[in-house]
Amino acid sequence: MKIDLKKSVSPFSKKEKYSRFIWNIVWYLVSPLPRPASSLRIKLLRLFGSKIGKDCLIEPGVKIWIPWNLILDDFVAIGRQTEIYNYGVVSIGSMTVISQYSYLCTGSHNYSHPYMPLIWDNIVIGSECWIAAGTWIMPGVKIGDGAVIGARSLVTRDIPDWSVCAGHPCKPLKERKILNIDIID
């Protein structure tokens, strides 16, 4: 046999494992609460080391693996049942929406190594983006400011600023233009 998973070891310290254990228990109790509990979810995320700006929304059922590896700027919304598998840092810019059932994945395995160790790379999502429902974003991806990613897309590469993209794999389709309209309060 060329692969020996018995020799695979965790890259995390006992303190990190213990912190994640406590986090998982607390989050298990709070994550499914209804939408008005978003402020409680945000307080807990901050308590566990997340950096979160003002007026963010975390919907019910969101799963966050490592809260201290999460950075949200102001006015970020994360839709229900989104999973943030963040062994690496996930950073999301202001005025960005991550729609329901999306999966942000910073981790993978080095399949060329006989022990297949865990590897990871950060994900950076710019400001004023919309990541539509069911999108997968892979390790190391940077999504530019103002980008729109169509539903069920698989994002494996960096995405340019102010572009509309979709597909499996995700590709730019056209430029994103914002209408110039008067808003009456």
Protein backbone atom coordinates (compact mmCIF):
# COMPACT_ATOMS: atom_id res chain seq x y z
CA MET A 1 0.00 0.00 0.00
CA LYS A 2 1.22 3.50 -0.81
CA ILE A 3 -1.14 5.39 1.54
CA ASP A 4 -0.91 5.00 5.33
CA LEU A 5 -3.50 7.09 7.12
CA LYS A 6 -2.49 5.55 10.47
CA LYS A 7 0.54 7.87 10.39
CA SER A 8 -1.50 10.99 9.75
CA VAL A 9 -1.28 13.43 12.67
CA SER A 10 -3.29 16.47 13.60
CA PRO A 11 -1.56 19.82 13.04
CA PHE A 12 -3.48 21.33 15.96
CA SER A 13 -2.33 21.75 19.56
CA LYS A 14 -4.26 20.33 22.51
CA LYS A 15 -5.36 23.88 23.37
CA GLU A 16 -6.78 24.39 19.87
CA LYS A 17 -8.56 21.02 20.00
CA TYR A 18 -10.01 21.84 23.41
CA SER A 19 -11.14 25.29 22.24
CA ARG A 20 -12.84 23.77 19.21
CA PHE A 21 -14.52 21.17 21.42
CA ILE A 22 -16.00 23.87 23.68
CA TRP A 23 -16.92 25.96 20.63
CA ASN A 24 -18.79 23.04 19.02
CA ILE A 25 -20.88 22.45 22.15
CA VAL A 26 -21.81 26.12 22.50
CA TRP A 27 -22.51 26.62 18.79
CA TYR A 28 -24.60 23.43 18.64
CA LEU A 29 -26.98 25.02 21.15
CA VAL A 30 -27.11 28.51 19.59
CA SER A 31 -26.88 27.91 15.84
CA PRO A 32 -30.42 26.54 15.32
CA LEU A 33 -32.15 29.36 17.20
CA PRO A 34 -34.46 31.55 15.06
CA ARG A 35 -33.28 34.56 13.06
CA PRO A 36 -33.72 37.10 15.93
CA ALA A 37 -30.92 35.25 17.76
CA SER A 38 -28.40 36.54 15.20
CA SER A 39 -27.09 39.06 17.74
CA LEU A 40 -26.47 36.23 20.23
CA ARG A 41 -24.61 34.24 17.57
CA ILE A 42 -22.48 37.29 16.78
CA LYS A 43 -21.68 37.88 20.48
CA LEU A 44 -20.56 34.25 20.82
CA LEU A 45 -18.46 34.44 17.68
CA ARG A 46 -16.73 37.54 19.03
CA LEU A 47 -16.24 35.85 22.41
CA PHE A 48 -14.47 32.99 20.59
CA GLY A 49 -12.21 35.35 18.63
CA SER A 50 -14.07 36.30 15.44
CA LYS A 51 -13.59 39.84 14.22
CA ILE A 52 -17.07 41.07 13.24
CA GLY A 53 -18.12 44.56 12.17
CA LYS A 54 -21.40 46.30 12.86
CA ASP A 55 -24.88 45.23 11.78
CA CYS A 56 -24.01 41.76 10.53
CA LEU A 57 -26.54 38.92 10.25
CA ILE A 58 -25.87 35.24 10.88
CA GLU A 59 -28.92 33.12 9.98
CA PRO A 60 -29.90 29.88 11.77
CA GLY A 61 -28.00 26.69 11.01
CA VAL A 62 -24.74 28.33 9.94
CA LYS A 63 -21.77 26.11 10.77
CA ILE A 64 -18.42 27.73 11.53
CA TRP A 65 -15.51 25.42 12.22
CA ILE A 66 -12.97 27.79 13.79
CA PRO A 67 -14.43 31.12 14.94
CA TRP A 68 -11.04 32.76 15.53
CA ASN A 69 -10.36 32.36 11.79
CA LEU A 70 -13.39 34.43 10.74
CA ILE A 71 -13.35 38.13 9.80
CA LEU A 72 -16.55 39.92 8.77
CA ASP A 73 -16.62 43.63 7.91
CA ASP A 74 -19.75 45.76 8.44
CA PHE A 75 -23.17 44.72 7.08
CA VAL A 76 -22.30 41.14 6.11
CA ALA A 77 -25.16 38.63 5.89
CA ILE A 78 -24.60 34.87 6.06
CA GLY A 79 -27.58 32.77 4.94
CA ARG A 80 -28.98 29.75 6.71
CA GLN A 81 -27.22 26.40 6.52
CA THR A 82 -24.03 27.95 5.14
CA GLU A 83 -20.88 26.10 6.21
CA ILE A 84 -17.61 27.93 6.78
CA TYR A 85 -14.93 25.23 6.94
CA ASN A 86 -12.19 27.62 7.97
CA TYR A 87 -8.94 26.01 8.98
CA GLY A 88 -7.52 28.98 7.14
CA VAL A 89 -8.84 32.52 7.60
CA VAL A 90 -12.09 33.48 5.86
CA SER A 91 -12.38 37.22 5.38
CA ILE A 92 -15.60 38.78 4.02
CA GLY A 93 -15.83 42.46 3.05
CA SER A 94 -18.60 44.91 3.91
CA MET A 95 -22.05 44.86 2.28
CA THR A 96 -21.57 41.25 1.15
CA VAL A 97 -24.22 38.52 1.17
CA ILE A 98 -23.38 34.83 1.40
CA SER A 99 -26.64 33.08 0.49
CA GLN A 100 -28.03 29.90 2.05
CA TYR A 101 -26.43 26.48 1.65
CA SER A 102 -23.09 27.88 0.50
CA TYR A 103 -19.85 26.16 1.46
CA LEU A 104 -16.62 28.09 2.04
CA CYS A 105 -13.83 25.51 2.23
CA THR A 106 -10.28 26.49 3.23
CA GLY A 107 -9.09 22.92 3.84
CA SER A 108 -8.10 19.92 1.80
CA HIS A 109 -5.54 17.11 1.95
CA ASN A 110 -2.16 16.72 0.32
CA TYR A 111 -3.09 13.69 -1.77
CA SER A 112 0.48 13.25 -3.04
CA HIS A 113 1.81 12.63 0.49
CA PRO A 114 1.50 9.06 1.83
CA TYR A 115 -0.13 10.31 5.08
CA MET A 116 -2.48 12.77 3.29
CA PRO A 117 -1.98 15.59 5.81
CA LEU A 118 -4.48 18.40 6.15
CA ILE A 119 -3.56 21.54 4.20
CA TRP A 120 -5.35 24.87 3.98
CA ASP A 121 -5.34 28.30 2.41
CA ASN A 122 -7.30 31.46 3.17
CA ILE A 123 -10.43 32.68 1.36
CA VAL A 124 -10.94 36.40 0.78
CA ILE A 125 -14.32 37.70 -0.40
CA GLY A 126 -14.41 41.40 -1.24
CA SER A 127 -16.93 44.09 -0.39
CA GLU A 128 -20.33 44.45 -2.09
CA CYS A 129 -20.39 40.85 -3.33
CA TRP A 130 -23.27 38.43 -3.63
CA ILE A 131 -22.48 34.75 -3.33
CA ALA A 132 -25.73 33.07 -4.45
CA ALA A 133 -27.27 29.94 -2.93
CA GLY A 134 -25.36 26.69 -2.84
CA THR A 135 -22.05 28.09 -4.05
CA TRP A 136 -18.80 26.26 -3.21
CA ILE A 137 -15.66 28.34 -2.73
CA MET A 138 -12.38 26.41 -2.61
CA PRO A 139 -9.13 27.08 -0.67
CA GLY A 140 -7.00 30.05 -1.67
CA VAL A 141 -9.69 31.83 -3.71
CA LYS A 142 -9.99 35.62 -3.75
CA ILE A 143 -13.30 37.05 -4.93
CA GLY A 144 -12.96 40.66 -6.03
CA ASP A 145 -15.08 43.57 -4.83
CA GLY A 146 -18.59 43.74 -6.27
CA ALA A 147 -18.53 40.25 -7.79
CA VAL A 148 -21.69 38.17 -8.15
CA ILE A 149 -21.36 34.40 -8.11
CA GLY A 150 -24.35 32.51 -9.56
CA ALA A 151 -26.18 29.80 -7.61
CA ARG A 152 -24.55 26.38 -7.39
CA SER A 153 -21.27 27.60 -8.82
CA LEU A 154 -17.94 25.97 -7.96
CA VAL A 155 -15.31 28.68 -7.47
CA THR A 156 -11.81 27.24 -7.90
CA ARG A 157 -9.96 30.39 -9.07
CA ASP A 158 -9.80 34.08 -8.25
CA ILE A 159 -12.73 36.16 -9.48
CA PRO A 160 -12.24 39.70 -10.89
CA ASP A 161 -13.82 42.82 -9.36
CA TRP A 162 -17.33 43.80 -10.50
CA SER A 163 -17.98 40.71 -12.57
CA VAL A 164 -20.96 38.36 -12.83
CA CYS A 165 -19.73 34.78 -12.77
CA ALA A 166 -21.29 31.33 -12.74
CA GLY A 167 -20.62 27.74 -13.61
CA HIS A 168 -18.92 24.54 -12.65
CA PRO A 169 -16.12 25.66 -12.70
CA CYS A 170 -17.13 29.28 -12.18
CA LYS A 171 -16.14 31.71 -14.96
CA PRO A 172 -16.75 35.43 -15.59
CA LEU A 173 -19.79 36.02 -17.82
CA LYS A 174 -20.10 39.78 -17.91
CA GLU A 175 -19.37 43.01 -16.08
CA ARG A 176 -21.60 43.89 -13.11
CA LYS A 177 -23.15 47.32 -13.48
CA ILE A 178 -25.13 49.05 -10.76
CA LEU A 179 -28.15 51.10 -11.83
CA ASN A 180 -28.08 54.78 -10.98
CA ILE A 181 -31.47 55.23 -9.29
CA ASP A 182 -32.85 57.75 -6.85
CA ILE A 183 -33.84 56.19 -3.56
CA ILE A 184 -36.61 57.95 -1.66
CA ASP A 185 -36.64 57.36 2.09
